[in-house]
N, C-alpha and C. Protein backbone atom coordinates (compact mmCIF):
# COMPACT_ATOMS: atom_id res chain seq x y z
N MET A 1 137.97 73.61 72.98
CA MET A 1 137.18 74.51 72.34
C MET A 1 136.33 75.23 73.20
N LYS A 2 136.32 76.64 73.44
CA LYS A 2 135.59 77.60 74.10
C LYS A 2 134.24 77.34 74.52
N PRO A 3 133.79 77.22 75.58
CA PRO A 3 132.28 76.88 75.43
C PRO A 3 131.03 77.63 74.65
N HIS A 4 131.37 78.92 74.33
CA HIS A 4 130.25 79.76 73.51
C HIS A 4 130.30 79.41 72.20
N ILE A 5 131.55 78.65 71.88
CA ILE A 5 131.97 78.43 70.35
C ILE A 5 131.19 76.75 70.15
N ALA A 6 131.34 76.01 70.94
CA ALA A 6 130.94 74.91 71.40
C ALA A 6 129.53 74.75 71.16
N ASN A 7 128.81 76.00 72.42
CA ASN A 7 127.21 76.12 72.12
C ASN A 7 126.87 76.45 70.89
N LEU A 8 127.49 77.41 70.32
CA LEU A 8 126.81 77.68 68.80
C LEU A 8 126.94 76.78 67.93
N LEU A 9 127.60 75.70 68.08
CA LEU A 9 128.10 74.81 67.22
C LEU A 9 126.95 73.81 67.07
N ASN A 10 126.86 73.54 68.65
CA ASN A 10 125.54 72.55 68.81
C ASN A 10 124.29 73.25 68.50
N ALA A 11 124.20 74.55 68.57
CA ALA A 11 122.86 75.04 68.44
C ALA A 11 122.38 74.73 66.83
N ALA A 12 123.42 75.43 65.91
CA ALA A 12 123.29 75.44 64.70
C ALA A 12 123.34 73.97 64.42
N VAL A 13 124.14 72.96 64.44
CA VAL A 13 123.76 71.45 64.53
C VAL A 13 122.07 71.21 64.24
N LEU A 14 121.57 71.59 65.75
CA LEU A 14 120.47 71.15 66.31
C LEU A 14 119.36 71.69 65.02
N ILE A 15 119.46 72.92 64.71
CA ILE A 15 118.79 73.75 63.94
C ILE A 15 118.87 73.25 62.42
N ALA A 16 119.92 72.90 62.18
CA ALA A 16 119.74 72.04 60.63
C ALA A 16 118.92 71.10 60.80
N VAL A 17 119.46 70.13 61.63
CA VAL A 17 119.25 68.86 61.49
C VAL A 17 117.56 68.44 62.12
N GLY A 18 117.03 69.52 62.73
CA GLY A 18 115.59 69.63 63.09
C GLY A 18 114.97 69.92 61.41
N LEU A 19 115.79 70.87 60.83
CA LEU A 19 115.12 71.51 59.70
C LEU A 19 114.86 70.27 58.53
N TRP A 20 116.32 69.63 58.68
CA TRP A 20 116.28 68.38 57.93
C TRP A 20 115.22 67.32 57.55
N GLY A 21 115.19 66.99 59.26
CA GLY A 21 114.45 66.62 59.26
C GLY A 21 112.73 66.27 59.26
N TYR A 22 112.53 67.62 58.99
CA TYR A 22 110.97 68.31 58.94
C TYR A 22 110.99 68.21 57.34
N PHE A 23 111.77 68.72 56.63
CA PHE A 23 111.74 68.29 55.15
C PHE A 23 111.56 67.05 54.71
N GLU A 24 112.28 66.13 55.63
CA GLU A 24 112.61 64.76 55.12
C GLU A 24 111.28 64.16 55.61
N THR A 25 110.61 64.44 56.70
CA THR A 25 109.70 63.21 57.07
C THR A 25 108.45 64.24 57.49
N ALA A 26 108.18 65.39 57.13
CA ALA A 26 106.66 66.56 57.59
C ALA A 26 106.49 66.03 58.78
N SER A 27 107.17 65.48 59.92
CA SER A 27 106.56 65.42 61.28
C SER A 27 106.93 66.41 62.36
N ASN A 28 105.84 67.32 62.83
CA ASN A 28 106.10 68.56 63.55
C ASN A 28 107.01 68.04 64.51
N THR A 29 107.43 66.77 65.19
CA THR A 29 108.12 66.70 66.10
C THR A 29 109.97 67.09 65.80
N ALA A 30 110.03 66.98 64.44
CA ALA A 30 111.04 67.26 64.30
C ALA A 30 111.63 69.01 64.38
N PHE A 31 110.53 69.83 64.92
CA PHE A 31 110.63 71.19 65.06
C PHE A 31 111.50 71.39 66.75
N ILE A 32 111.45 70.02 67.44
CA ILE A 32 112.02 70.09 68.76
C ILE A 32 113.24 70.58 68.61
N PRO A 33 114.07 69.60 68.07
CA PRO A 33 115.65 70.36 68.16
C PRO A 33 115.77 71.80 67.78
N VAL A 34 114.78 72.08 66.69
CA VAL A 34 114.92 73.31 65.97
C VAL A 34 114.77 74.25 67.06
N GLY A 35 113.70 74.25 68.18
CA GLY A 35 113.45 75.02 69.27
C GLY A 35 114.68 75.00 70.10
N ILE A 36 114.92 74.00 70.50
CA ILE A 36 116.09 73.71 71.59
C ILE A 36 117.20 74.38 71.08
N GLY A 37 117.76 74.30 69.63
CA GLY A 37 118.86 74.93 69.06
C GLY A 37 118.75 76.79 69.06
N ALA A 38 117.46 76.93 68.59
CA ALA A 38 117.55 78.41 68.92
C ALA A 38 117.27 79.08 70.38
N VAL A 39 117.12 78.29 71.26
CA VAL A 39 117.06 78.88 72.56
C VAL A 39 118.77 78.67 73.17
N LEU A 40 119.57 77.44 72.65
CA LEU A 40 121.02 77.44 73.10
C LEU A 40 121.71 78.76 72.10
N LEU A 41 120.78 79.14 70.93
CA LEU A 41 121.56 80.18 69.83
C LEU A 41 121.69 81.44 71.03
N LEU A 42 120.35 81.83 71.78
CA LEU A 42 120.11 82.81 72.27
C LEU A 42 121.26 82.93 73.49
N CYS A 43 121.25 81.64 73.94
CA CYS A 43 122.12 81.66 75.09
C CYS A 43 123.56 81.84 74.86
N THR A 44 124.01 82.01 73.90
CA THR A 44 125.34 81.84 73.25
C THR A 44 126.24 83.12 74.19
N GLY A 45 125.68 84.19 73.70
CA GLY A 45 125.90 85.77 74.27
C GLY A 45 126.45 85.25 76.12
N GLY A 46 125.47 84.85 76.27
CA GLY A 46 125.32 84.80 78.38
C GLY A 46 126.59 83.74 78.39
N VAL A 47 126.67 82.51 77.73
CA VAL A 47 127.95 81.85 77.96
C VAL A 47 129.20 82.32 77.67
N LYS A 48 129.31 83.09 76.80
CA LYS A 48 130.29 83.86 76.44
C LYS A 48 130.88 85.11 77.47
N SER A 49 129.86 85.61 77.99
CA SER A 49 129.97 86.43 79.09
C SER A 49 130.06 85.90 80.47
N GLU A 50 130.14 84.55 80.38
CA GLU A 50 130.29 83.53 81.76
C GLU A 50 129.22 83.99 82.54
N ASN A 51 128.08 84.13 82.44
CA ASN A 51 126.82 84.19 82.98
C ASN A 51 126.26 82.89 83.58
N LYS A 52 126.29 82.66 84.95
CA LYS A 52 126.03 81.53 85.47
C LYS A 52 125.03 80.84 85.11
N VAL A 53 123.92 81.69 85.33
CA VAL A 53 122.63 81.38 85.14
C VAL A 53 122.35 80.83 83.80
N ILE A 54 122.42 81.46 82.97
CA ILE A 54 122.30 81.37 81.01
C ILE A 54 123.27 80.06 81.04
N ALA A 55 124.61 80.04 81.23
CA ALA A 55 125.53 78.97 81.28
C ALA A 55 124.77 77.41 81.45
N HIS A 56 124.28 77.50 82.82
CA HIS A 56 123.56 76.16 83.35
C HIS A 56 122.51 76.14 82.70
N VAL A 57 121.59 76.74 81.97
CA VAL A 57 120.23 76.68 81.15
C VAL A 57 120.60 76.22 79.87
N ALA A 58 121.81 76.86 79.53
CA ALA A 58 122.53 76.22 78.29
C ALA A 58 123.24 74.55 78.49
N VAL A 59 123.57 74.36 79.68
CA VAL A 59 124.21 73.20 79.89
C VAL A 59 122.51 72.10 79.94
N LEU A 60 122.05 72.39 80.85
CA LEU A 60 120.52 71.45 80.73
C LEU A 60 119.88 71.23 79.46
N LEU A 61 119.96 72.29 78.67
CA LEU A 61 119.14 72.11 77.38
C LEU A 61 119.98 70.69 76.67
N THR A 62 121.34 71.29 76.40
CA THR A 62 122.29 70.67 75.93
C THR A 62 122.09 69.38 76.15
N PHE A 63 122.05 68.66 77.51
CA PHE A 63 121.98 67.63 78.19
C PHE A 63 120.73 66.81 77.75
N ILE A 64 119.59 67.72 77.75
CA ILE A 64 118.41 67.08 77.64
C ILE A 64 118.49 66.48 75.99
N ALA A 65 118.73 67.51 75.25
CA ALA A 65 118.72 67.01 73.44
C ALA A 65 119.84 66.20 73.45
N LEU A 66 120.75 65.82 74.24
CA LEU A 66 121.89 65.06 73.88
C LEU A 66 121.24 63.69 74.59
N LEU A 67 120.17 63.63 75.73
CA LEU A 67 119.52 62.56 75.90
C LEU A 67 118.71 61.91 74.85
N ALA A 68 117.82 62.51 74.37
CA ALA A 68 116.86 62.48 73.43
C ALA A 68 117.50 61.62 72.14
N PHE A 69 118.80 62.61 71.72
CA PHE A 69 119.21 61.63 70.54
C PHE A 69 119.76 60.52 70.92
N LEU A 70 120.49 60.66 72.02
CA LEU A 70 121.15 59.14 72.29
C LEU A 70 120.09 57.94 72.87
N GLY A 71 119.03 58.65 73.51
CA GLY A 71 118.11 57.53 73.74
C GLY A 71 116.91 57.15 72.98
N MET A 72 116.34 57.83 71.84
CA MET A 72 115.32 57.84 71.04
C MET A 72 115.56 57.88 69.78
N ARG A 73 116.25 58.96 69.51
CA ARG A 73 116.68 59.06 67.72
C ARG A 73 117.70 58.09 67.10
N LEU A 74 118.59 57.54 67.94
CA LEU A 74 119.65 57.06 67.27
C LEU A 74 119.32 55.66 67.49
N PRO A 75 118.76 54.90 68.35
CA PRO A 75 118.46 53.64 67.93
C PRO A 75 117.48 53.54 66.91
N LYS A 76 116.57 54.47 66.82
CA LYS A 76 115.83 54.17 65.24
C LYS A 76 116.81 54.29 64.08
N ALA A 77 117.47 55.47 64.39
CA ALA A 77 118.37 55.57 63.17
C ALA A 77 119.36 54.38 62.83
N LEU A 78 119.73 53.56 63.79
CA LEU A 78 120.76 52.38 63.51
C LEU A 78 120.27 51.66 62.92
N ASP A 79 118.52 51.60 62.78
CA ASP A 79 117.89 50.39 62.46
C ASP A 79 117.77 50.91 60.76
N ALA A 80 117.41 52.23 60.65
CA ALA A 80 117.23 52.81 59.19
C ALA A 80 118.63 52.83 58.48
N GLY A 81 119.58 53.57 59.14
CA GLY A 81 120.98 53.63 58.52
C GLY A 81 121.02 54.54 57.85
N GLY A 82 122.26 54.99 56.64
CA GLY A 82 122.03 55.71 55.65
C GLY A 82 121.90 57.44 56.06
N LEU A 83 121.56 58.61 55.47
CA LEU A 83 121.56 59.74 55.76
C LEU A 83 120.84 59.76 57.51
N SER A 84 119.80 59.06 57.46
CA SER A 84 118.98 59.05 59.01
C SER A 84 120.32 58.85 60.00
N LEU A 85 120.90 57.89 60.16
CA LEU A 85 122.08 57.76 60.74
C LEU A 85 123.00 58.95 61.29
N ALA A 86 123.06 59.61 59.56
CA ALA A 86 124.25 60.85 59.98
C ALA A 86 123.33 61.97 61.04
N ARG A 87 122.07 61.55 60.36
CA ARG A 87 121.10 62.98 61.16
C ARG A 87 121.32 62.58 62.81
N ALA A 88 121.28 61.58 63.22
CA ALA A 88 121.33 61.21 64.42
C ALA A 88 122.94 61.40 65.25
N ILE A 89 123.38 61.09 64.48
CA ILE A 89 125.17 60.76 65.09
C ILE A 89 125.75 62.12 65.28
N VAL A 90 125.41 63.05 64.28
CA VAL A 90 125.92 64.20 64.26
C VAL A 90 125.60 65.16 65.53
N PRO A 91 124.40 65.53 65.79
CA PRO A 91 124.12 66.13 66.97
C PRO A 91 124.57 65.29 68.02
N CYS A 92 125.01 64.17 68.34
CA CYS A 92 125.35 63.72 69.36
C CYS A 92 126.69 63.96 69.64
N ILE A 93 127.36 63.95 68.41
CA ILE A 93 128.94 64.28 68.53
C ILE A 93 128.90 65.57 69.14
N THR A 94 128.02 66.82 68.54
CA THR A 94 128.13 68.23 68.96
C THR A 94 127.95 68.15 70.24
N GLY A 95 126.92 67.58 71.18
CA GLY A 95 126.33 67.48 72.07
C GLY A 95 127.35 67.33 73.27
N ILE A 96 127.93 66.07 72.58
CA ILE A 96 129.20 65.74 73.63
C ILE A 96 130.02 66.55 73.73
N LEU A 97 130.47 67.27 72.48
CA LEU A 97 131.48 68.10 72.56
C LEU A 97 131.20 69.14 73.55
N ALA A 98 129.86 69.92 73.20
CA ALA A 98 129.49 70.84 73.93
C ALA A 98 129.54 70.67 75.55
N MET A 99 129.34 69.26 76.11
CA MET A 99 129.26 69.01 77.36
C MET A 99 130.74 69.13 77.80
N PHE A 100 131.34 68.68 77.18
CA PHE A 100 132.91 68.69 77.70
C PHE A 100 133.44 70.27 78.00
N ALA A 101 133.14 70.86 76.80
CA ALA A 101 133.34 72.73 76.91
C ALA A 101 133.20 73.02 77.98
N PHE A 102 131.75 73.10 78.41
CA PHE A 102 131.03 73.42 79.88
C PHE A 102 131.35 72.70 80.78
N ILE A 103 131.64 71.32 80.99
CA ILE A 103 132.35 70.95 82.02
C ILE A 103 133.66 71.48 82.43
N LYS A 104 134.67 71.34 81.25
CA LYS A 104 136.04 72.33 81.57
C LYS A 104 136.19 73.43 82.08
N SER A 105 134.44 74.47 81.24
CA SER A 105 134.97 75.71 81.71
C SER A 105 134.53 75.77 83.14
N PHE A 106 133.43 75.03 83.55
CA PHE A 106 133.15 75.07 85.12
C PHE A 106 134.11 74.61 86.17
N ARG A 107 134.88 73.89 85.53
CA ARG A 107 136.02 73.30 86.35
C ARG A 107 136.95 74.36 86.22
N ASP A 108 137.44 74.75 85.21
CA ASP A 108 138.38 76.21 85.23
C ASP A 108 138.22 77.22 86.16
N ALA A 109 136.56 77.56 86.12
CA ALA A 109 136.35 78.78 87.01
C ALA A 109 136.31 78.44 88.38
N ARG A 110 136.17 77.02 88.71
CA ARG A 110 136.57 76.67 90.46
C ARG A 110 137.79 76.65 90.57
N LEU A 111 138.83 76.22 89.93
CA LEU A 111 139.90 76.13 90.39
C LEU A 111 140.43 77.38 90.32
N ALA A 112 140.58 78.40 89.45
CA ALA A 112 140.52 80.07 89.44
C ALA A 112 140.26 80.59 90.86
N ARG A 113 138.70 80.16 90.95
CA ARG A 113 138.33 80.64 92.30
C ARG A 113 138.74 80.46 93.65
N GLU A 114 139.10 79.09 93.33
CA GLU A 114 140.06 78.50 94.86
C GLU A 114 140.99 79.34 94.79
N ALA A 115 142.11 79.17 93.48
CA ALA A 115 143.24 79.80 93.83
C ALA A 115 143.30 81.48 94.10
N ALA A 116 142.03 81.96 93.94
CA ALA A 116 141.89 83.64 94.33
C ALA A 116 141.80 83.56 96.07
N GLY A 117 141.58 82.43 96.26
CA GLY A 117 141.13 82.13 97.69
C GLY A 117 140.08 82.30 98.09
N GLY A 118 138.54 82.38 97.43
CA GLY A 118 137.61 82.55 97.52
C GLY A 118 136.42 81.59 96.91
């Protein structure tokens, strides 16, 4: 999967899950993934054009969101079960996919740079 597609998917999931969480719980903290997803959405063009700074910002935000979901949201959702669990697992999956796509892209760019002699 191309990194900009993985980023777009992850951003959309974060926004959707955050809004879903807000409408279900009416907690303002549900807007945190919405904000992260919105910034990732804005980074998609830069990731697609292989802008290093924007790509690294997207990686950092993706990593922060992934850690937050794995460390804070998922343990609570495991206790609650049901749709709450789905609302925690789906962003973890898209975050992991995005991280793999970013890492593969960075690795491929490094190999291409080394093959070109620079």
